[in-house]
Amino acid sequence: MSGLVVFGSVAFGLVLAWPISRFMRHFEEASSAVIFQF
């Protein structure tokens, strides 16, 4: 189960990175972008 958790965690992090990086392009002010990052 630990092996599955490690594999699933890596895949989950990689899958979410691309759409969120695309979405962050639409921020034009630092305050909103930093709130979104946190």
PDB file of all heavy atoms in Angstrom:
ATOM      1  N   MET A   1       0.830  -1.200   0.000  1.00  0.00           N
ATOM      2  CA  MET A   1       0.000   0.000   0.000  1.00  0.00           C
ATOM      3  C   MET A   1       0.868   1.256   0.000  1.00  0.00           C
ATOM      4  O   MET A   1       0.537   2.251  -0.658  1.00  0.00           O
ATOM      5  CB  MET A   1      -0.917  -0.005   1.220  1.00  0.00           C
ATOM      6  CG  MET A   1      -1.880   1.183   1.264  1.00  0.00           C
ATOM      7  SD  MET A   1      -2.937   1.275  -0.207  1.00  0.00           S
ATOM      8  CE  MET A   1      -3.906  -0.232   0.006  1.00  0.00           C
ATOM      9  N   SER A   2       2.012   1.222   0.707  1.00  0.00           N
ATOM     10  CA  SER A   2       2.920   2.374   0.717  1.00  0.00           C
ATOM     11  C   SER A   2       3.471   2.644  -0.678  1.00  0.00           C
ATOM     12  O   SER A   2       3.598   3.796  -1.101  1.00  0.00           O
ATOM     13  CB  SER A   2       4.072   2.133   1.699  1.00  0.00           C
ATOM     14  OG  SER A   2       3.586   2.002   3.013  1.00  0.00           O
ATOM     15  N   GLY A   3       3.803   1.553  -1.410  1.00  0.00           N
ATOM     16  CA  GLY A   3       4.262   1.734  -2.786  1.00  0.00           C
ATOM     17  C   GLY A   3       3.211   2.361  -3.671  1.00  0.00           C
ATOM     18  O   GLY A   3       3.516   3.257  -4.487  1.00  0.00           O
ATOM     19  N   LEU A   4       1.973   1.937  -3.517  1.00  0.00           N
ATOM     20  CA  LEU A   4       0.888   2.541  -4.293  1.00  0.00           C
ATOM     21  C   LEU A   4       0.683   4.006  -3.914  1.00  0.00           C
ATOM     22  O   LEU A   4       0.404   4.855  -4.775  1.00  0.00           O
ATOM     23  CB  LEU A   4      -0.405   1.749  -4.072  1.00  0.00           C
ATOM     24  CG  LEU A   4      -0.463   0.349  -4.680  1.00  0.00           C
ATOM     25  CD1 LEU A   4      -1.765  -0.342  -4.287  1.00  0.00           C
ATOM     26  CD2 LEU A   4      -0.345   0.425  -6.213  1.00  0.00           C
ATOM     27  N   VAL A   5       0.826   4.316  -2.635  1.00  0.00           N
ATOM     28  CA  VAL A   5       0.660   5.697  -2.181  1.00  0.00           C
ATOM     29  C   VAL A   5       1.731   6.585  -2.793  1.00  0.00           C
ATOM     30  O   VAL A   5       1.451   7.702  -3.256  1.00  0.00           O
ATOM     31  CB  VAL A   5       0.709   5.755  -0.638  1.00  0.00           C
ATOM     32  CG1 VAL A   5       0.892   7.185  -0.156  1.00  0.00           C
ATOM     33  CG2 VAL A   5      -0.553   5.170  -0.048  1.00  0.00           C
ATOM     34  N   VAL A   6       2.984   6.109  -2.809  1.00  0.00           N
ATOM     35  CA  VAL A   6       4.069   6.904  -3.400  1.00  0.00           C
ATOM     36  C   VAL A   6       3.813   7.138  -4.879  1.00  0.00           C
ATOM     37  O   VAL A   6       3.911   8.274  -5.375  1.00  0.00           O
ATOM     38  CB  VAL A   6       5.423   6.198  -3.172  1.00  0.00           C
ATOM     39  CG1 VAL A   6       6.521   6.902  -3.968  1.00  0.00           C
ATOM     40  CG2 VAL A   6       5.763   6.174  -1.691  1.00  0.00           C
ATOM     41  N   PHE A   7       3.495   6.078  -5.615  1.00  0.00           N
ATOM     42  CA  PHE A   7       3.239   6.208  -7.050  1.00  0.00           C
ATOM     43  C   PHE A   7       2.047   7.138  -7.313  1.00  0.00           C
ATOM     44  O   PHE A   7       2.105   8.025  -8.166  1.00  0.00           O
ATOM     45  CB  PHE A   7       2.974   4.836  -7.665  1.00  0.00           C
ATOM     46  CG  PHE A   7       2.639   4.886  -9.131  1.00  0.00           C
ATOM     47  CD1 PHE A   7       3.637   5.030 -10.081  1.00  0.00           C
ATOM     48  CD2 PHE A   7       1.315   4.802  -9.556  1.00  0.00           C
ATOM     49  CE1 PHE A   7       3.324   5.086 -11.436  1.00  0.00           C
ATOM     50  CE2 PHE A   7       0.994   4.849 -10.897  1.00  0.00           C
ATOM     51  CZ  PHE A   7       1.992   4.998 -11.848  1.00  0.00           C
ATOM     52  N   GLY A   8       0.957   6.942  -6.590  1.00  0.00           N
ATOM     53  CA  GLY A   8      -0.213   7.784  -6.780  1.00  0.00           C
ATOM     54  C   GLY A   8       0.039   9.227  -6.426  1.00  0.00           C
ATOM     55  O   GLY A   8      -0.476  10.144  -7.092  1.00  0.00           O
ATOM     56  N   SER A   9       0.853   9.488  -5.400  1.00  0.00           N
ATOM     57  CA  SER A   9       1.153  10.865  -4.997  1.00  0.00           C
ATOM     58  C   SER A   9       1.967  11.582  -6.059  1.00  0.00           C
ATOM     59  O   SER A   9       1.714  12.751  -6.374  1.00  0.00           O
ATOM     60  CB  SER A   9       1.906  10.856  -3.659  1.00  0.00           C
ATOM     61  OG  SER A   9       1.150  10.229  -2.651  1.00  0.00           O
ATOM     62  N   VAL A  10       2.967  10.886  -6.610  1.00  0.00           N
ATOM     63  CA  VAL A  10       3.773  11.489  -7.673  1.00  0.00           C
ATOM     64  C   VAL A  10       2.900  11.802  -8.886  1.00  0.00           C
ATOM     65  O   VAL A  10       2.966  12.908  -9.460  1.00  0.00           O
ATOM     66  CB  VAL A  10       4.939  10.554  -8.056  1.00  0.00           C
ATOM     67  CG1 VAL A  10       5.646  11.071  -9.307  1.00  0.00           C
ATOM     68  CG2 VAL A  10       5.919  10.433  -6.901  1.00  0.00           C
ATOM     69  N   ALA A  11       2.072  10.844  -9.292  1.00  0.00           N
ATOM     70  CA  ALA A  11       1.207  11.055 -10.450  1.00  0.00           C
ATOM     71  C   ALA A  11       0.226  12.196 -10.210  1.00  0.00           C
ATOM     72  O   ALA A  11      -0.010  13.034 -11.098  1.00  0.00           O
ATOM     73  CB  ALA A  11       0.450   9.765 -10.777  1.00  0.00           C
ATOM     74  N   PHE A  12      -0.334  12.259  -9.022  1.00  0.00           N
ATOM     75  CA  PHE A  12      -1.305  13.303  -8.696  1.00  0.00           C
ATOM     76  C   PHE A  12      -0.665  14.691  -8.769  1.00  0.00           C
ATOM     77  O   PHE A  12      -1.237  15.633  -9.330  1.00  0.00           O
ATOM     78  CB  PHE A  12      -1.868  13.042  -7.300  1.00  0.00           C
ATOM     79  CG  PHE A  12      -3.002  13.944  -6.923  1.00  0.00           C
ATOM     80  CD1 PHE A  12      -4.211  13.901  -7.601  1.00  0.00           C
ATOM     81  CD2 PHE A  12      -2.867  14.820  -5.863  1.00  0.00           C
ATOM     82  CE1 PHE A  12      -5.256  14.733  -7.234  1.00  0.00           C
ATOM     83  CE2 PHE A  12      -3.906  15.648  -5.498  1.00  0.00           C
ATOM     84  CZ  PHE A  12      -5.102  15.610  -6.187  1.00  0.00           C
ATOM     85  N   GLY A  13       0.537  14.829  -8.210  1.00  0.00           N
ATOM     86  CA  GLY A  13       1.225  16.116  -8.260  1.00  0.00           C
ATOM     87  C   GLY A  13       1.567  16.541  -9.673  1.00  0.00           C
ATOM     88  O   GLY A  13       1.425  17.714 -10.045  1.00  0.00           O
ATOM     89  N   LEU A  14       2.017  15.587 -10.499  1.00  0.00           N
ATOM     90  CA  LEU A  14       2.370  15.914 -11.883  1.00  0.00           C
ATOM     91  C   LEU A  14       1.140  16.282 -12.709  1.00  0.00           C
ATOM     92  O   LEU A  14       1.175  17.215 -13.525  1.00  0.00           O
ATOM     93  CB  LEU A  14       3.096  14.727 -12.522  1.00  0.00           C
ATOM     94  CG  LEU A  14       4.491  14.406 -11.978  1.00  0.00           C
ATOM     95  CD1 LEU A  14       5.026  13.141 -12.645  1.00  0.00           C
ATOM     96  CD2 LEU A  14       5.444  15.565 -12.213  1.00  0.00           C
ATOM     97  N   VAL A  15       0.053  15.561 -12.516  1.00  0.00           N
ATOM     98  CA  VAL A  15      -1.151  15.807 -13.309  1.00  0.00           C
ATOM     99  C   VAL A  15      -1.720  17.194 -13.027  1.00  0.00           C
ATOM    100  O   VAL A  15      -2.180  17.890 -13.945  1.00  0.00           O
ATOM    101  CB  VAL A  15      -2.204  14.717 -13.019  1.00  0.00           C
ATOM    102  CG1 VAL A  15      -3.568  15.115 -13.571  1.00  0.00           C
ATOM    103  CG2 VAL A  15      -1.768  13.389 -13.631  1.00  0.00           C
ATOM    104  N   LEU A  16      -1.683  17.627 -11.779  1.00  0.00           N
ATOM    105  CA  LEU A  16      -2.262  18.921 -11.430  1.00  0.00           C
ATOM    106  C   LEU A  16      -1.373  20.094 -11.817  1.00  0.00           C
ATOM    107  O   LEU A  16      -1.862  21.224 -11.952  1.00  0.00           O
ATOM    108  CB  LEU A  16      -2.531  18.979  -9.925  1.00  0.00           C
ATOM    109  CG  LEU A  16      -3.689  18.139  -9.403  1.00  0.00           C
ATOM    110  CD1 LEU A  16      -3.839  18.344  -7.908  1.00  0.00           C
ATOM    111  CD2 LEU A  16      -4.986  18.509 -10.114  1.00  0.00           C
ATOM    112  N   ALA A  17      -0.074  19.871 -11.994  1.00  0.00           N
ATOM    113  CA  ALA A  17       0.843  20.985 -12.243  1.00  0.00           C
ATOM    114  C   ALA A  17       0.541  21.687 -13.560  1.00  0.00           C
ATOM    115  O   ALA A  17       0.559  22.930 -13.628  1.00  0.00           O
ATOM    116  CB  ALA A  17       2.289  20.480 -12.224  1.00  0.00           C
ATOM    117  N   TRP A  18       0.263  20.936 -14.622  1.00  0.00           N
ATOM    118  CA  TRP A  18       0.088  21.568 -15.938  1.00  0.00           C
ATOM    119  C   TRP A  18      -1.134  22.482 -15.995  1.00  0.00           C
ATOM    120  O   TRP A  18      -1.008  23.649 -16.371  1.00  0.00           O
ATOM    121  CB  TRP A  18       0.018  20.499 -17.033  1.00  0.00           C
ATOM    122  CG  TRP A  18      -0.025  21.106 -18.405  1.00  0.00           C
ATOM    123  CD1 TRP A  18       1.028  21.528 -19.148  1.00  0.00           C
ATOM    124  CD2 TRP A  18      -1.201  21.366 -19.185  1.00  0.00           C
ATOM    125  NE1 TRP A  18       0.603  22.037 -20.346  1.00  0.00           N
ATOM    126  CE2 TRP A  18      -0.767  21.955 -20.396  1.00  0.00           C
ATOM    127  CE3 TRP A  18      -2.560  21.157 -18.983  1.00  0.00           C
ATOM    128  CZ2 TRP A  18      -1.657  22.333 -21.391  1.00  0.00           C
ATOM    129  CZ3 TRP A  18      -3.442  21.542 -19.969  1.00  0.00           C
ATOM    130  CH2 TRP A  18      -3.000  22.125 -21.163  1.00  0.00           C
ATOM    131  N   PRO A  19      -2.349  22.027 -15.621  1.00  0.00           N
ATOM    132  CA  PRO A  19      -3.494  22.938 -15.720  1.00  0.00           C
ATOM    133  C   PRO A  19      -3.377  24.142 -14.789  1.00  0.00           C
ATOM    134  O   PRO A  19      -3.798  25.249 -15.137  1.00  0.00           O
ATOM    135  CB  PRO A  19      -4.697  22.054 -15.351  1.00  0.00           C
ATOM    136  CG  PRO A  19      -4.133  20.904 -14.609  1.00  0.00           C
ATOM    137  CD  PRO A  19      -2.778  20.682 -15.177  1.00  0.00           C
ATOM    138  N   ILE A  20      -2.795  23.953 -13.594  1.00  0.00           N
ATOM    139  CA  ILE A  20      -2.674  25.084 -12.674  1.00  0.00           C
ATOM    140  C   ILE A  20      -1.660  26.095 -13.195  1.00  0.00           C
ATOM    141  O   ILE A  20      -1.862  27.318 -13.078  1.00  0.00           O
ATOM    142  CB  ILE A  20      -2.291  24.575 -11.275  1.00  0.00           C
ATOM    143  CG1 ILE A  20      -3.475  23.804 -10.677  1.00  0.00           C
ATOM    144  CG2 ILE A  20      -1.898  25.724 -10.352  1.00  0.00           C
ATOM    145  CD1 ILE A  20      -3.210  23.199  -9.325  1.00  0.00           C
ATOM    146  N   SER A  21      -0.575  25.620 -13.805  1.00  0.00           N
ATOM    147  CA  SER A  21       0.385  26.558 -14.388  1.00  0.00           C
ATOM    148  C   SER A  21      -0.233  27.347 -15.532  1.00  0.00           C
ATOM    149  O   SER A  21       0.041  28.541 -15.699  1.00  0.00           O
ATOM    150  CB  SER A  21       1.629  25.800 -14.879  1.00  0.00           C
ATOM    151  OG  SER A  21       1.312  24.974 -15.991  1.00  0.00           O
ATOM    152  N   ARG A  22      -1.100  26.707 -16.313  1.00  0.00           N
ATOM    153  CA  ARG A  22      -1.799  27.419 -17.385  1.00  0.00           C
ATOM    154  C   ARG A  22      -2.760  28.460 -16.811  1.00  0.00           C
ATOM    155  O   ARG A  22      -2.870  29.571 -17.318  1.00  0.00           O
ATOM    156  CB  ARG A  22      -2.571  26.420 -18.243  1.00  0.00           C
ATOM    157  CG  ARG A  22      -1.727  25.357 -18.908  1.00  0.00           C
ATOM    158  CD  ARG A  22      -1.016  25.857 -20.126  1.00  0.00           C
ATOM    159  NE  ARG A  22      -1.945  26.226 -21.188  1.00  0.00           N
ATOM    160  CZ  ARG A  22      -1.554  26.666 -22.387  1.00  0.00           C
ATOM    161  NH1 ARG A  22      -0.255  26.766 -22.652  1.00  0.00           N
ATOM    162  NH2 ARG A  22      -2.432  26.991 -23.305  1.00  0.00           N
ATOM    163  N   PHE A  23      -3.436  28.087 -15.735  1.00  0.00           N
ATOM    164  CA  PHE A  23      -4.401  29.005 -15.137  1.00  0.00           C
ATOM    165  C   PHE A  23      -3.699  30.221 -14.541  1.00  0.00           C
ATOM    166  O   PHE A  23      -4.237  31.342 -14.587  1.00  0.00           O
ATOM    167  CB  PHE A  23      -5.203  28.271 -14.057  1.00  0.00           C
ATOM    168  CG  PHE A  23      -6.266  29.115 -13.413  1.00  0.00           C
ATOM    169  CD1 PHE A  23      -7.461  29.362 -14.067  1.00  0.00           C
ATOM    170  CD2 PHE A  23      -6.053  29.665 -12.159  1.00  0.00           C
ATOM    171  CE1 PHE A  23      -8.438  30.136 -13.474  1.00  0.00           C
ATOM    172  CE2 PHE A  23      -7.023  30.437 -11.560  1.00  0.00           C
ATOM    173  CZ  PHE A  23      -8.222  30.675 -12.224  1.00  0.00           C
ATOM    174  N   MET A  24      -2.497  30.035 -13.992  1.00  0.00           N
ATOM    175  CA  MET A  24      -1.797  31.142 -13.346  1.00  0.00           C
ATOM    176  C   MET A  24      -1.350  32.210 -14.329  1.00  0.00           C
ATOM    177  O   MET A  24      -1.023  33.329 -13.926  1.00  0.00           O
ATOM    178  CB  MET A  24      -0.590  30.613 -12.566  1.00  0.00           C
ATOM    179  CG  MET A  24      -0.960  29.900 -11.284  1.00  0.00           C
ATOM    180  SD  MET A  24       0.468  29.649 -10.206  1.00  0.00           S
ATOM    181  CE  MET A  24       0.897  31.345  -9.834  1.00  0.00           C
ATOM    182  N   ARG A  25      -1.343  31.907 -15.624  1.00  0.00           N
ATOM    183  CA  ARG A  25      -0.979  32.918 -16.609  1.00  0.00           C
ATOM    184  C   ARG A  25      -1.974  34.071 -16.644  1.00  0.00           C
ATOM    185  O   ARG A  25      -1.646  35.161 -17.103  1.00  0.00           O
ATOM    186  CB  ARG A  25      -0.906  32.286 -18.003  1.00  0.00           C
ATOM    187  CG  ARG A  25       0.137  31.198 -18.148  1.00  0.00           C
ATOM    188  CD  ARG A  25       0.175  30.681 -19.568  1.00  0.00           C
ATOM    189  NE  ARG A  25       1.081  29.549 -19.722  1.00  0.00           N
ATOM    190  CZ  ARG A  25       1.351  28.957 -20.878  1.00  0.00           C
ATOM    191  NH1 ARG A  25       0.761  29.394 -21.990  1.00  0.00           N
ATOM    192  NH2 ARG A  25       2.187  27.948 -20.937  1.00  0.00           N
ATOM    193  N   HIS A  26      -3.179  33.841 -16.159  1.00  0.00           N
ATOM    194  CA  HIS A  26      -4.218  34.865 -16.257  1.00  0.00           C
ATOM    195  C   HIS A  26      -4.141  35.883 -15.123  1.00  0.00           C
ATOM    196  O   HIS A  26      -4.869  36.875 -15.169  1.00  0.00           O
ATOM    197  CB  HIS A  26      -5.600  34.197 -16.259  1.00  0.00           C
ATOM    198  CG  HIS A  26      -5.803  33.248 -17.411  1.00  0.00           C
ATOM    199  ND1 HIS A  26      -5.962  33.669 -18.714  1.00  0.00           N
ATOM    200  CD2 HIS A  26      -5.849  31.886 -17.455  1.00  0.00           C
ATOM    201  CE1 HIS A  26      -6.110  32.619 -19.511  1.00  0.00           C
ATOM    202  NE2 HIS A  26      -6.039  31.522 -18.764  1.00  0.00           N
ATOM    203  N   PHE A  27      -3.285  35.644 -14.135  1.00  0.00           N
ATOM    204  CA  PHE A  27      -3.159  36.622 -13.055  1.00  0.00           C
ATOM    205  C   PHE A  27      -2.297  37.785 -13.517  1.00  0.00           C
ATOM    206  O   PHE A  27      -1.229  37.597 -14.095  1.00  0.00           O
ATOM    207  CB  PHE A  27      -2.531  35.976 -11.810  1.00  0.00           C
ATOM    208  CG  PHE A  27      -3.459  35.062 -11.068  1.00  0.00           C
ATOM    209  CD1 PHE A  27      -3.353  33.681 -11.193  1.00  0.00           C
ATOM    210  CD2 PHE A  27      -4.444  35.584 -10.256  1.00  0.00           C
ATOM    211  CE1 PHE A  27      -4.207  32.835 -10.511  1.00  0.00           C
ATOM    212  CE2 PHE A  27      -5.313  34.739  -9.572  1.00  0.00           C
ATOM    213  CZ  PHE A  27      -5.197  33.372  -9.694  1.00  0.00           C
ATOM    214  N   GLU A  28      -2.755  38.999 -13.216  1.00  0.00           N
ATOM    215  CA  GLU A  28      -2.020  40.197 -13.622  1.00  0.00           C
ATOM    216  C   GLU A  28      -1.561  41.022 -12.434  1.00  0.00           C
ATOM    217  O   GLU A  28      -0.823  41.993 -12.612  1.00  0.00           O
ATOM    218  CB  GLU A  28      -2.892  41.055 -14.540  1.00  0.00           C
ATOM    219  CG  GLU A  28      -3.260  40.360 -15.852  1.00  0.00           C
ATOM    220  CD  GLU A  28      -4.121  41.231 -16.743  1.00  0.00           C
ATOM    221  OE1 GLU A  28      -4.511  42.323 -16.281  1.00  0.00           O
ATOM    222  OE2 GLU A  28      -4.401  40.803 -17.887  1.00  0.00           O
ATOM    223  N   GLU A  29      -2.012  40.702 -11.242  1.00  0.00           N
ATOM    224  CA  GLU A  29      -1.575  41.432 -10.058  1.00  0.00           C
ATOM    225  C   GLU A  29      -0.999  40.456  -9.037  1.00  0.00           C
ATOM    226  O   GLU A  29      -1.459  39.318  -8.905  1.00  0.00           O
ATOM    227  CB  GLU A  29      -2.730  42.224  -9.448  1.00  0.00           C
ATOM    228  CG  GLU A  29      -3.940  41.385  -9.096  1.00  0.00           C
ATOM    229  CD  GLU A  29      -5.017  42.212  -8.426  1.00  0.00           C
ATOM    230  OE1 GLU A  29      -4.717  43.351  -8.046  1.00  0.00           O
ATOM    231  OE2 GLU A  29      -6.146  41.718  -8.280  1.00  0.00           O
ATOM    232  N   ALA A  30       0.015  40.943  -8.321  1.00  0.00           N
ATOM    233  CA  ALA A  30       0.764  40.060  -7.427  1.00  0.00           C
ATOM    234  C   ALA A  30      -0.084  39.580  -6.256  1.00  0.00           C
ATOM    235  O   ALA A  30       0.029  38.423  -5.836  1.00  0.00           O
ATOM    236  CB  ALA A  30       2.009  40.780  -6.917  1.00  0.00           C
ATOM    237  N   SER A  31      -0.923  40.437  -5.700  1.00  0.00           N
ATOM    238  CA  SER A  31      -1.673  40.048  -4.505  1.00  0.00           C
ATOM    239  C   SER A  31      -2.579  38.855  -4.773  1.00  0.00           C
ATOM    240  O   SER A  31      -2.592  37.888  -4.004  1.00  0.00           O
ATOM    241  CB  SER A  31      -2.501  41.235  -4.002  1.00  0.00           C
ATOM    242  OG  SER A  31      -3.363  41.717  -5.030  1.00  0.00           O
ATOM    243  N   SER A  32      -3.331  38.885  -5.883  1.00  0.00           N
ATOM    244  CA  SER A  32      -4.221  37.761  -6.212  1.00  0.00           C
ATOM    245  C   SER A  32      -3.413  36.501  -6.502  1.00  0.00           C
ATOM    246  O   SER A  32      -3.803  35.395  -6.097  1.00  0.00           O
ATOM    247  CB  SER A  32      -5.092  38.116  -7.414  1.00  0.00           C
ATOM    248  OG  SER A  32      -5.903  39.232  -7.137  1.00  0.00           O
ATOM    249  N   ALA A  33      -2.297  36.656  -7.207  1.00  0.00           N
ATOM    250  CA  ALA A  33      -1.477  35.493  -7.555  1.00  0.00           C
ATOM    251  C   ALA A  33      -0.919  34.817  -6.307  1.00  0.00           C
ATOM    252  O   ALA A  33      -0.915  33.582  -6.197  1.00  0.00           O
ATOM    253  CB  ALA A  33      -0.340  35.911  -8.485  1.00  0.00           C
ATOM    254  N   VAL A  34      -0.432  35.609  -5.344  1.00  0.00           N
ATOM    255  CA  VAL A  34       0.163  35.030  -4.135  1.00  0.00           C
ATOM    256  C   VAL A  34      -0.911  34.356  -3.280  1.00  0.00           C
ATOM    257  O   VAL A  34      -0.685  33.272  -2.716  1.00  0.00           O
ATOM    258  CB  VAL A  34       0.907  36.113  -3.331  1.00  0.00           C
ATOM    259  CG1 VAL A  34       1.369  35.561  -1.990  1.00  0.00           C
ATOM    260  CG2 VAL A  34       2.101  36.630  -4.123  1.00  0.00           C
ATOM    261  N   ILE A  35      -2.086  34.976  -3.179  1.00  0.00           N
ATOM    262  CA  ILE A  35      -3.182  34.331  -2.440  1.00  0.00           C
ATOM    263  C   ILE A  35      -3.531  32.992  -3.079  1.00  0.00           C
ATOM    264  O   ILE A  35      -3.749  31.987  -2.382  1.00  0.00           O
ATOM    265  CB  ILE A  35      -4.409  35.262  -2.411  1.00  0.00           C
ATOM    266  CG1 ILE A  35      -4.121  36.491  -1.541  1.00  0.00           C
ATOM    267  CG2 ILE A  35      -5.634  34.519  -1.876  1.00  0.00           C
ATOM    268  CD1 ILE A  35      -5.200  37.538  -1.590  1.00  0.00           C
ATOM    269  N   PHE A  36      -3.567  32.953  -4.400  1.00  0.00           N
ATOM    270  CA  PHE A  36      -3.857  31.704  -5.110  1.00  0.00           C
ATOM    271  C   PHE A  36      -2.771  30.668  -4.843  1.00  0.00           C
ATOM    272  O   PHE A  36      -3.058  29.485  -4.642  1.00  0.00           O
ATOM    273  CB  PHE A  36      -3.984  31.979  -6.605  1.00  0.00           C
ATOM    274  CG  PHE A  36      -4.316  30.768  -7.422  1.00  0.00           C
ATOM    275  CD1 PHE A  36      -5.615  30.288  -7.480  1.00  0.00           C
ATOM    276  CD2 PHE A  36      -3.335  30.101  -8.140  1.00  0.00           C
ATOM    277  CE1 PHE A  36      -5.923  29.164  -8.226  1.00  0.00           C
ATOM    278  CE2 PHE A  36      -3.633  28.982  -8.889  1.00  0.00           C
ATOM    279  CZ  PHE A  36      -4.934  28.516  -8.936  1.00  0.00           C
ATOM    280  N   GLN A  37      -1.508  31.091  -4.823  1.00  0.00           N
ATOM    281  CA  GLN A  37      -0.401  30.167  -4.576  1.00  0.00           C
ATOM    282  C   GLN A  37      -0.511  29.523  -3.195  1.00  0.00           C
ATOM    283  O   GLN A  37      -0.340  28.304  -3.046  1.00  0.00           O
ATOM    284  CB  GLN A  37       0.929  30.906  -4.715  1.00  0.00           C
ATOM    285  CG  GLN A  37       1.257  31.339  -6.133  1.00  0.00           C
ATOM    286  CD  GLN A  37       2.403  32.334  -6.176  1.00  0.00           C
ATOM    287  OE1 GLN A  37       3.070  32.571  -5.167  1.00  0.00           O
ATOM    288  NE2 GLN A  37       2.621  32.941  -7.333  1.00  0.00           N
ATOM    289  N   PHE A  38      -0.789  30.320  -2.178  1.00  0.00           N
ATOM    290  CA  PHE A  38      -0.928  29.763  -0.836  1.00  0.00           C
ATOM    291  C   PHE A  38      -2.164  28.877  -0.738  1.00  0.00           C
ATOM    292  O   PHE A  38      -2.145  27.827  -0.070  1.00  0.00           O
ATOM    293  CB  PHE A  38      -0.986  30.880   0.203  1.00  0.00           C
ATOM    294  CG  PHE A  38       0.361  31.398   0.610  1.00  0.00           C
ATOM    295  CD1 PHE A  38       0.890  32.534   0.037  1.00  0.00           C
ATOM    296  CD2 PHE A  38       1.109  30.733   1.559  1.00  0.00           C
ATOM    297  CE1 PHE A  38       2.133  33.019   0.404  1.00  0.00           C
ATOM    298  CE2 PHE A  38       2.365  31.201   1.942  1.00  0.00           C
ATOM    299  CZ  PHE A  38       2.877  32.348   1.361  1.00  0.00           C
TER     300      PHE A  38
END
